């Protein structure tokens, strides 16, 4: 049967789906973002967080194209959704600043803004004693909207 699928051209598609599913499941299990080799290219595979009891993971295909997945148990499901854009209006910028500041102080923080976007930040460690690297994830209903890595440096006293 595999030979028959190969002749029909279905095996490469199945292999690509397996590469993606394996990468998504590994990120869900570790709850750590990574870069995976999928479809002949290195792609960011981003752990977004938990939503409705499942892990949310996104594969970044290009600058502004995201493929969203849910992992429930060991089942990987494609979401086939497009996330709405986040803006700093309606107090969003203040929430972002507070979440990043709390992540620097406490290691991790999250808060939902007035429009329902979840802003999550966590400290990844420091390059220098006065700087902290922070991963910031903005999501909506468990789907990634934006992600940034920031280096936050304080003035030495």
N, C-alpha and C. Protein backbone atom coordinates (compact mmCIF):
# COMPACT_ATOMS: atom_id res chain seq x y z
N UNK A 1 0.82 -1.19 0.00
CA UNK A 1 0.00 0.00 0.00
C UNK A 1 0.87 1.25 0.00
N UNK A 2 1.99 1.25 0.72
CA UNK A 2 2.87 2.41 0.73
C UNK A 2 3.41 2.65 -0.67
N UNK A 3 3.76 1.58 -1.39
CA UNK A 3 4.24 1.72 -2.76
C UNK A 3 3.16 2.38 -3.61
N UNK A 4 1.91 1.96 -3.45
CA UNK A 4 0.81 2.55 -4.21
C UNK A 4 0.64 4.03 -3.88
N UNK A 5 0.76 4.40 -2.62
CA UNK A 5 0.66 5.81 -2.24
C UNK A 5 1.80 6.60 -2.82
N UNK A 6 3.01 6.00 -2.84
CA UNK A 6 4.16 6.69 -3.41
C UNK A 6 3.97 6.96 -4.88
N UNK A 7 3.38 6.02 -5.59
CA UNK A 7 3.13 6.21 -7.01
C UNK A 7 2.10 7.31 -7.24
N UNK A 8 1.20 7.48 -6.30
CA UNK A 8 0.20 8.53 -6.42
C UNK A 8 0.72 9.88 -5.95
N UNK A 9 1.92 9.90 -5.40
CA UNK A 9 2.50 11.16 -4.94
C UNK A 9 2.02 11.57 -3.56
N UNK A 10 1.50 10.65 -2.78
CA UNK A 10 0.97 10.99 -1.46
C UNK A 10 1.98 10.83 -0.34
N UNK A 11 3.01 10.04 -0.52
CA UNK A 11 3.97 9.80 0.55
C UNK A 11 4.70 11.07 0.97
N UNK A 12 5.19 11.92 0.04
CA UNK A 12 5.85 13.14 0.50
C UNK A 12 4.94 14.03 1.33
N UNK A 13 3.68 14.16 0.97
CA UNK A 13 2.75 14.98 1.73
C UNK A 13 2.57 14.39 3.13
N UNK A 14 2.43 13.08 3.21
CA UNK A 14 2.30 12.42 4.49
C UNK A 14 3.54 12.64 5.33
N UNK A 15 4.71 12.56 4.70
CA UNK A 15 5.97 12.78 5.42
C UNK A 15 6.04 14.20 5.95
N UNK A 16 5.60 15.18 5.15
CA UNK A 16 5.62 16.57 5.60
C UNK A 16 4.66 16.76 6.76
N UNK A 17 3.49 16.15 6.67
CA UNK A 17 2.53 16.25 7.75
C UNK A 17 3.11 15.63 9.02
N UNK A 18 3.82 14.52 8.87
CA UNK A 18 4.44 13.86 10.01
C UNK A 18 5.54 14.73 10.60
N UNK A 19 6.37 15.35 9.76
CA UNK A 19 7.42 16.26 10.25
C UNK A 19 6.79 17.38 11.08
N UNK A 20 5.76 17.98 10.56
CA UNK A 20 5.09 19.07 11.26
C UNK A 20 4.46 18.57 12.55
N UNK A 21 3.71 17.48 12.47
CA UNK A 21 3.05 16.93 13.66
C UNK A 21 4.05 16.56 14.74
N UNK A 22 5.16 15.93 14.34
CA UNK A 22 6.19 15.56 15.32
C UNK A 22 6.79 16.78 16.00
N UNK A 23 7.07 17.82 15.22
CA UNK A 23 7.65 19.05 15.78
C UNK A 23 6.65 19.72 16.72
N UNK A 24 5.39 19.79 16.30
CA UNK A 24 4.35 20.43 17.11
C UNK A 24 4.16 19.66 18.41
N UNK A 25 4.11 18.34 18.34
CA UNK A 25 3.92 17.53 19.54
C UNK A 25 5.11 17.66 20.49
N UNK A 26 6.33 17.69 19.95
CA UNK A 26 7.52 17.84 20.79
C UNK A 26 7.51 19.18 21.53
N UNK A 27 7.11 20.24 20.85
CA UNK A 27 7.04 21.56 21.49
C UNK A 27 5.95 21.57 22.55
N UNK A 28 4.81 20.95 22.28
CA UNK A 28 3.73 20.88 23.26
C UNK A 28 4.19 20.14 24.52
N UNK A 29 4.92 19.05 24.34
CA UNK A 29 5.38 18.27 25.48
C UNK A 29 6.42 19.03 26.31
N UNK A 30 7.32 19.75 25.63
CA UNK A 30 8.38 20.46 26.35
C UNK A 30 7.94 21.84 26.83
N UNK A 31 6.89 22.37 26.19
CA UNK A 31 6.41 23.73 26.46
C UNK A 31 7.50 24.76 26.25
N UNK A 32 8.36 24.47 25.29
CA UNK A 32 9.46 25.37 24.93
C UNK A 32 9.48 25.53 23.41
N UNK A 33 9.56 26.76 22.95
CA UNK A 33 9.67 27.03 21.51
C UNK A 33 11.01 26.54 21.00
N UNK A 34 11.05 26.22 19.70
CA UNK A 34 12.28 25.73 19.09
C UNK A 34 12.26 26.06 17.61
N UNK A 35 13.28 25.63 16.91
CA UNK A 35 13.33 25.69 15.46
C UNK A 35 13.42 24.26 14.97
N UNK A 36 12.55 23.89 14.01
CA UNK A 36 12.53 22.52 13.50
C UNK A 36 12.71 22.54 11.99
N UNK A 37 13.29 21.47 11.47
CA UNK A 37 13.49 21.31 10.03
C UNK A 37 12.22 20.67 9.46
N UNK A 38 11.42 21.49 8.75
CA UNK A 38 10.14 21.03 8.19
C UNK A 38 10.11 21.43 6.72
N UNK A 39 9.78 20.48 5.87
CA UNK A 39 9.66 20.76 4.44
C UNK A 39 10.94 21.36 3.87
N UNK A 40 12.08 20.87 4.35
CA UNK A 40 13.36 21.31 3.81
C UNK A 40 13.83 22.67 4.31
N UNK A 41 13.10 23.26 5.27
CA UNK A 41 13.49 24.58 5.81
C UNK A 41 13.41 24.57 7.33
N UNK A 42 14.22 25.42 7.93
CA UNK A 42 14.13 25.60 9.37
C UNK A 42 13.01 26.59 9.67
N UNK A 43 12.08 26.18 10.55
CA UNK A 43 10.93 27.02 10.87
C UNK A 43 10.77 27.13 12.38
N UNK A 44 10.45 28.32 12.87
CA UNK A 44 10.15 28.44 14.29
C UNK A 44 8.87 27.68 14.64
N UNK A 45 8.93 26.91 15.70
CA UNK A 45 7.77 26.21 16.23
C UNK A 45 7.59 26.77 17.64
N UNK A 46 6.49 27.49 17.85
CA UNK A 46 6.34 28.35 19.01
C UNK A 46 5.28 27.79 19.96
N UNK A 47 5.67 27.63 21.21
CA UNK A 47 4.70 27.24 22.24
C UNK A 47 3.94 28.48 22.67
N UNK A 48 2.63 28.48 22.45
CA UNK A 48 1.80 29.64 22.75
C UNK A 48 1.24 29.56 24.17
N UNK A 49 0.88 28.37 24.62
CA UNK A 49 0.33 28.20 25.96
C UNK A 49 -0.82 27.21 25.94
N UNK A 50 -1.57 27.18 27.03
CA UNK A 50 -2.71 26.28 27.10
C UNK A 50 -3.99 27.05 26.84
N UNK A 51 -4.91 26.40 26.14
CA UNK A 51 -6.21 26.99 25.86
C UNK A 51 -7.24 25.86 25.83
N UNK A 52 -8.27 26.00 26.60
CA UNK A 52 -9.33 24.98 26.69
C UNK A 52 -8.78 23.59 26.98
N UNK A 53 -7.78 23.50 27.86
CA UNK A 53 -7.24 22.22 28.27
C UNK A 53 -6.27 21.57 27.30
N UNK A 54 -5.96 22.25 26.20
CA UNK A 54 -5.02 21.72 25.21
C UNK A 54 -3.83 22.67 25.08
N UNK A 55 -2.73 22.17 24.55
CA UNK A 55 -1.57 23.01 24.28
C UNK A 55 -1.72 23.65 22.91
N UNK A 56 -1.42 24.94 22.84
CA UNK A 56 -1.46 25.67 21.57
C UNK A 56 -0.04 25.86 21.08
N UNK A 57 0.18 25.49 19.82
CA UNK A 57 1.50 25.58 19.20
C UNK A 57 1.32 26.19 17.82
N UNK A 58 2.25 27.02 17.41
CA UNK A 58 2.20 27.65 16.10
C UNK A 58 3.49 27.40 15.35
N UNK A 59 3.37 27.10 14.05
CA UNK A 59 4.53 26.99 13.16
C UNK A 59 4.56 28.25 12.31
N UNK A 60 5.69 28.93 12.33
CA UNK A 60 5.82 30.16 11.55
C UNK A 60 6.36 29.82 10.17
N UNK A 61 5.55 30.12 9.15
CA UNK A 61 5.93 29.89 7.75
C UNK A 61 6.10 31.24 7.07
N UNK A 62 7.23 31.86 7.23
CA UNK A 62 7.44 33.20 6.68
C UNK A 62 7.22 34.24 7.75
N UNK A 63 7.41 35.51 7.37
CA UNK A 63 7.36 36.59 8.34
C UNK A 63 6.01 36.73 9.03
N UNK A 64 4.93 36.72 8.28
CA UNK A 64 3.62 36.98 8.87
C UNK A 64 2.61 35.86 8.63
N UNK A 65 3.08 34.66 8.36
CA UNK A 65 2.16 33.55 8.13
C UNK A 65 2.35 32.51 9.23
N UNK A 66 1.28 32.23 9.96
CA UNK A 66 1.33 31.29 11.06
C UNK A 66 0.33 30.16 10.83
N UNK A 67 0.75 28.94 11.11
CA UNK A 67 -0.14 27.78 11.11
C UNK A 67 -0.35 27.39 12.57
N UNK A 68 -1.60 27.39 13.01
CA UNK A 68 -1.94 27.15 14.42
C UNK A 68 -2.38 25.71 14.62
N UNK A 69 -1.97 25.14 15.78
CA UNK A 69 -2.31 23.76 16.11
C UNK A 69 -2.74 23.68 17.57
N UNK A 70 -3.55 22.68 17.87
CA UNK A 70 -3.89 22.31 19.24
C UNK A 70 -3.40 20.89 19.44
N UNK A 71 -2.82 20.64 20.59
CA UNK A 71 -2.38 19.29 20.95
C UNK A 71 -3.14 18.91 22.22
N UNK A 72 -4.02 17.92 22.07
CA UNK A 72 -4.80 17.41 23.19
C UNK A 72 -4.40 15.95 23.36
N UNK A 73 -3.82 15.65 24.51
CA UNK A 73 -3.24 14.32 24.68
C UNK A 73 -2.05 14.23 23.73
N UNK A 74 -2.09 13.30 22.82
CA UNK A 74 -1.04 13.20 21.79
C UNK A 74 -1.61 13.45 20.40
N UNK A 75 -2.81 14.01 20.35
CA UNK A 75 -3.45 14.28 19.07
C UNK A 75 -3.17 15.72 18.64
N UNK A 76 -2.55 15.86 17.46
CA UNK A 76 -2.24 17.17 16.90
C UNK A 76 -3.34 17.52 15.90
N UNK A 77 -3.98 18.68 16.13
CA UNK A 77 -5.05 19.12 15.23
C UNK A 77 -4.72 20.49 14.66
N UNK A 78 -4.78 20.61 13.33
CA UNK A 78 -4.61 21.92 12.69
C UNK A 78 -5.84 22.76 12.96
N UNK A 79 -5.63 24.06 13.19
CA UNK A 79 -6.75 24.96 13.49
C UNK A 79 -7.30 25.65 12.25
N UNK A 80 -6.47 25.85 11.24
CA UNK A 80 -6.90 26.51 10.01
C UNK A 80 -7.58 27.85 10.31
N UNK A 81 -6.95 28.65 11.15
CA UNK A 81 -7.48 29.95 11.54
C UNK A 81 -6.46 31.05 11.23
N UNK A 82 -6.96 32.27 11.16
CA UNK A 82 -6.11 33.45 11.01
C UNK A 82 -6.34 34.33 12.22
N UNK A 83 -5.28 34.68 12.92
CA UNK A 83 -5.41 35.50 14.12
C UNK A 83 -5.67 36.95 13.78
N UNK A 84 -6.52 37.61 14.57
CA UNK A 84 -6.73 39.03 14.35
C UNK A 84 -5.51 39.83 14.81
N UNK A 85 -5.29 40.97 14.21
CA UNK A 85 -4.14 41.82 14.56
C UNK A 85 -4.36 42.46 15.93
N UNK A 86 -3.27 42.61 16.68
CA UNK A 86 -3.31 43.27 17.97
C UNK A 86 -2.85 44.70 17.80
N UNK A 87 -3.48 45.61 18.51
CA UNK A 87 -3.04 47.00 18.51
C UNK A 87 -2.78 47.44 19.94
N UNK A 88 -2.02 48.47 20.09
CA UNK A 88 -1.68 48.98 21.41
C UNK A 88 -2.77 49.90 21.98
N UNK A 89 -3.88 50.05 21.25
CA UNK A 89 -4.96 50.92 21.71
C UNK A 89 -5.73 50.27 22.85
N UNK A 90 -6.66 51.01 23.43
CA UNK A 90 -7.51 50.53 24.53
C UNK A 90 -6.70 50.01 25.72
N UNK A 91 -5.56 50.63 25.97
CA UNK A 91 -4.74 50.24 27.12
C UNK A 91 -3.82 49.07 26.87
N UNK A 92 -3.79 48.55 25.65
CA UNK A 92 -2.94 47.40 25.34
C UNK A 92 -1.47 47.65 25.59
N UNK A 93 -1.00 48.84 25.28
CA UNK A 93 0.41 49.16 25.48
C UNK A 93 0.78 49.14 26.96
N UNK A 94 -0.12 49.65 27.81
CA UNK A 94 0.12 49.66 29.25
C UNK A 94 0.15 48.23 29.80
N UNK A 95 -0.74 47.37 29.30
CA UNK A 95 -0.76 45.97 29.73
C UNK A 95 0.54 45.28 29.31
N UNK A 96 0.97 45.52 28.07
CA UNK A 96 2.22 44.94 27.58
C UNK A 96 3.39 45.35 28.46
N UNK A 97 3.49 46.62 28.76
CA UNK A 97 4.59 47.12 29.58
C UNK A 97 4.57 46.49 30.98
N UNK A 98 3.39 46.39 31.57
CA UNK A 98 3.27 45.80 32.90
C UNK A 98 3.65 44.32 32.90
N UNK A 99 3.22 43.59 31.88
CA UNK A 99 3.53 42.16 31.80
C UNK A 99 5.03 41.95 31.64
N UNK A 100 5.67 42.72 30.77
CA UNK A 100 7.12 42.59 30.57
C UNK A 100 7.87 42.94 31.86
N UNK A 101 7.47 44.02 32.53
CA UNK A 101 8.12 44.41 33.78
C UNK A 101 7.98 43.31 34.84
N UNK A 102 6.80 42.73 34.95
CA UNK A 102 6.59 41.65 35.93
C UNK A 102 7.38 40.40 35.57
N UNK A 103 7.54 40.12 34.29
CA UNK A 103 8.35 38.96 33.88
C UNK A 103 9.80 39.16 34.27
N UNK A 104 10.29 40.39 34.13
CA UNK A 104 11.67 40.68 34.54
C UNK A 104 11.82 40.48 36.05
N UNK A 105 10.83 40.94 36.82
CA UNK A 105 10.91 40.85 38.28
C UNK A 105 10.65 39.45 38.81
N UNK A 106 9.66 38.74 38.23
CA UNK A 106 9.21 37.48 38.81
C UNK A 106 9.47 36.24 37.95
N UNK A 107 10.01 36.43 36.75
CA UNK A 107 10.32 35.30 35.88
C UNK A 107 9.27 35.03 34.82
N UNK A 108 8.00 35.31 35.13
CA UNK A 108 6.92 35.10 34.16
C UNK A 108 5.71 35.92 34.60
N UNK A 109 4.92 36.32 33.61
CA UNK A 109 3.70 37.07 33.90
C UNK A 109 2.77 36.98 32.70
N UNK A 110 1.47 37.17 32.96
CA UNK A 110 0.50 37.21 31.87
C UNK A 110 -0.71 38.02 32.31
N UNK A 111 -1.37 38.61 31.33
CA UNK A 111 -2.57 39.39 31.59
C UNK A 111 -3.34 39.52 30.29
N UNK A 112 -4.66 39.57 30.40
CA UNK A 112 -5.52 39.76 29.24
C UNK A 112 -5.86 41.24 29.12
N UNK A 113 -5.75 41.79 27.90
CA UNK A 113 -6.07 43.21 27.72
C UNK A 113 -7.58 43.37 27.53
N UNK A 114 -8.02 44.61 27.35
CA UNK A 114 -9.45 44.92 27.26
C UNK A 114 -10.13 44.27 26.06
N UNK A 115 -9.37 43.89 25.04
CA UNK A 115 -9.95 43.29 23.83
C UNK A 115 -9.87 41.77 23.81
N UNK A 116 -9.41 41.16 24.90
CA UNK A 116 -9.37 39.71 24.99
C UNK A 116 -8.08 39.05 24.53
N UNK A 117 -7.06 39.84 24.23
CA UNK A 117 -5.76 39.29 23.85
C UNK A 117 -4.98 38.94 25.11
N UNK A 118 -4.40 37.74 25.15
CA UNK A 118 -3.58 37.33 26.27
C UNK A 118 -2.13 37.71 25.97
N UNK A 119 -1.54 38.48 26.85
CA UNK A 119 -0.15 38.88 26.71
C UNK A 119 0.63 38.11 27.77
N UNK A 120 1.59 37.31 27.34
CA UNK A 120 2.39 36.47 28.21
C UNK A 120 3.85 36.79 28.00
N UNK A 121 4.60 36.85 29.08
CA UNK A 121 6.04 37.09 28.98
C UNK A 121 6.76 36.21 29.99
N UNK A 122 7.94 35.75 29.61
CA UNK A 122 8.75 34.98 30.54
C UNK A 122 10.22 35.28 30.32
N UNK A 123 10.94 35.30 31.40
CA UNK A 123 12.37 35.57 31.37
C UNK A 123 13.10 34.34 30.86
N UNK A 124 14.03 34.56 29.94
CA UNK A 124 14.80 33.45 29.38
C UNK A 124 16.23 33.41 29.90
N UNK A 125 16.57 34.34 30.77
CA UNK A 125 17.93 34.41 31.28
C UNK A 125 18.58 35.70 30.83
N UNK A 126 19.81 35.88 31.24
CA UNK A 126 20.50 37.14 30.99
C UNK A 126 21.77 36.94 30.18
N UNK A 127 22.02 37.88 29.28
CA UNK A 127 23.30 37.91 28.56
C UNK A 127 24.35 38.62 29.40
N UNK A 128 23.91 39.63 30.13
CA UNK A 128 24.78 40.41 31.00
C UNK A 128 24.08 40.53 32.35
N UNK A 129 24.83 40.83 33.39
CA UNK A 129 24.19 40.93 34.71
C UNK A 129 23.08 41.98 34.79
N UNK A 130 23.12 43.01 33.96
CA UNK A 130 22.11 44.06 34.04
C UNK A 130 21.01 43.91 33.01
N UNK A 131 21.04 42.85 32.19
CA UNK A 131 20.04 42.65 31.14
C UNK A 131 19.33 41.31 31.31
N UNK A 132 18.06 41.30 30.98
CA UNK A 132 17.26 40.07 31.01
C UNK A 132 16.61 39.88 29.65
N UNK A 133 16.70 38.69 29.10
CA UNK A 133 16.03 38.37 27.85
C UNK A 133 14.62 37.90 28.18
N UNK A 134 13.64 38.46 27.46
CA UNK A 134 12.24 38.15 27.73
C UNK A 134 11.56 37.74 26.42
N UNK A 135 10.84 36.62 26.46
CA UNK A 135 10.00 36.22 25.33
C UNK A 135 8.59 36.73 25.60
N UNK A 136 8.04 37.47 24.65
CA UNK A 136 6.69 38.02 24.77
C UNK A 136 5.82 37.37 23.70
N UNK A 137 4.69 36.83 24.13
CA UNK A 137 3.74 36.20 23.21
C UNK A 137 2.38 36.86 23.39
N UNK A 138 1.80 37.29 22.28
CA UNK A 138 0.44 37.82 22.29
C UNK A 138 -0.42 36.82 21.53
N UNK A 139 -1.49 36.37 22.18
CA UNK A 139 -2.36 35.37 21.55
C UNK A 139 -3.82 35.79 21.70
N UNK A 140 -4.64 35.19 20.85
CA UNK A 140 -6.08 35.43 20.91
C UNK A 140 -6.77 34.08 20.75
N UNK A 141 -7.54 33.71 21.75
CA UNK A 141 -8.22 32.41 21.77
C UNK A 141 -7.24 31.27 21.50
N UNK A 142 -6.04 31.38 22.05
CA UNK A 142 -5.04 30.33 21.94
C UNK A 142 -4.21 30.34 20.68
N UNK A 143 -4.49 31.25 19.74
CA UNK A 143 -3.71 31.33 18.50
C UNK A 143 -2.71 32.48 18.60
N UNK A 144 -1.49 32.24 18.14
CA UNK A 144 -0.45 33.25 18.18
C UNK A 144 -0.82 34.43 17.30
N UNK A 145 -0.65 35.62 17.84
CA UNK A 145 -0.85 36.86 17.09
C UNK A 145 0.51 37.49 16.82
N UNK A 146 1.37 37.53 17.84
CA UNK A 146 2.69 38.12 17.69
C UNK A 146 3.62 37.54 18.73
N UNK A 147 4.91 37.55 18.40
CA UNK A 147 5.94 37.06 19.32
C UNK A 147 7.16 37.93 19.17
N UNK A 148 7.79 38.24 20.27
CA UNK A 148 9.02 39.04 20.23
C UNK A 148 9.96 38.58 21.32
N UNK A 149 11.23 38.69 21.04
CA UNK A 149 12.26 38.46 22.04
C UNK A 149 12.87 39.83 22.34
N UNK A 150 12.86 40.21 23.61
CA UNK A 150 13.34 41.52 24.00
C UNK A 150 14.46 41.37 25.01
N UNK A 151 15.43 42.25 24.93
CA UNK A 151 16.47 42.33 25.95
C UNK A 151 16.19 43.58 26.76
N UNK A 152 15.87 43.38 28.03
CA UNK A 152 15.52 44.47 28.93
C UNK A 152 16.72 44.73 29.84
N UNK A 153 17.29 45.93 29.74
CA UNK A 153 18.47 46.27 30.53
C UNK A 153 18.11 47.37 31.52
N UNK A 154 18.61 47.22 32.74
CA UNK A 154 18.39 48.23 33.75
C UNK A 154 19.68 49.01 33.97
N UNK A 155 19.54 50.20 34.48
CA UNK A 155 20.72 51.02 34.78
C UNK A 155 21.33 50.55 36.07
N UNK A 156 22.65 50.32 36.08
CA UNK A 156 23.29 49.92 37.35
C UNK A 156 23.22 51.06 38.36
N UNK A 157 23.04 50.73 39.59
CA UNK A 157 22.92 51.77 40.62
C UNK A 157 24.24 52.11 41.21
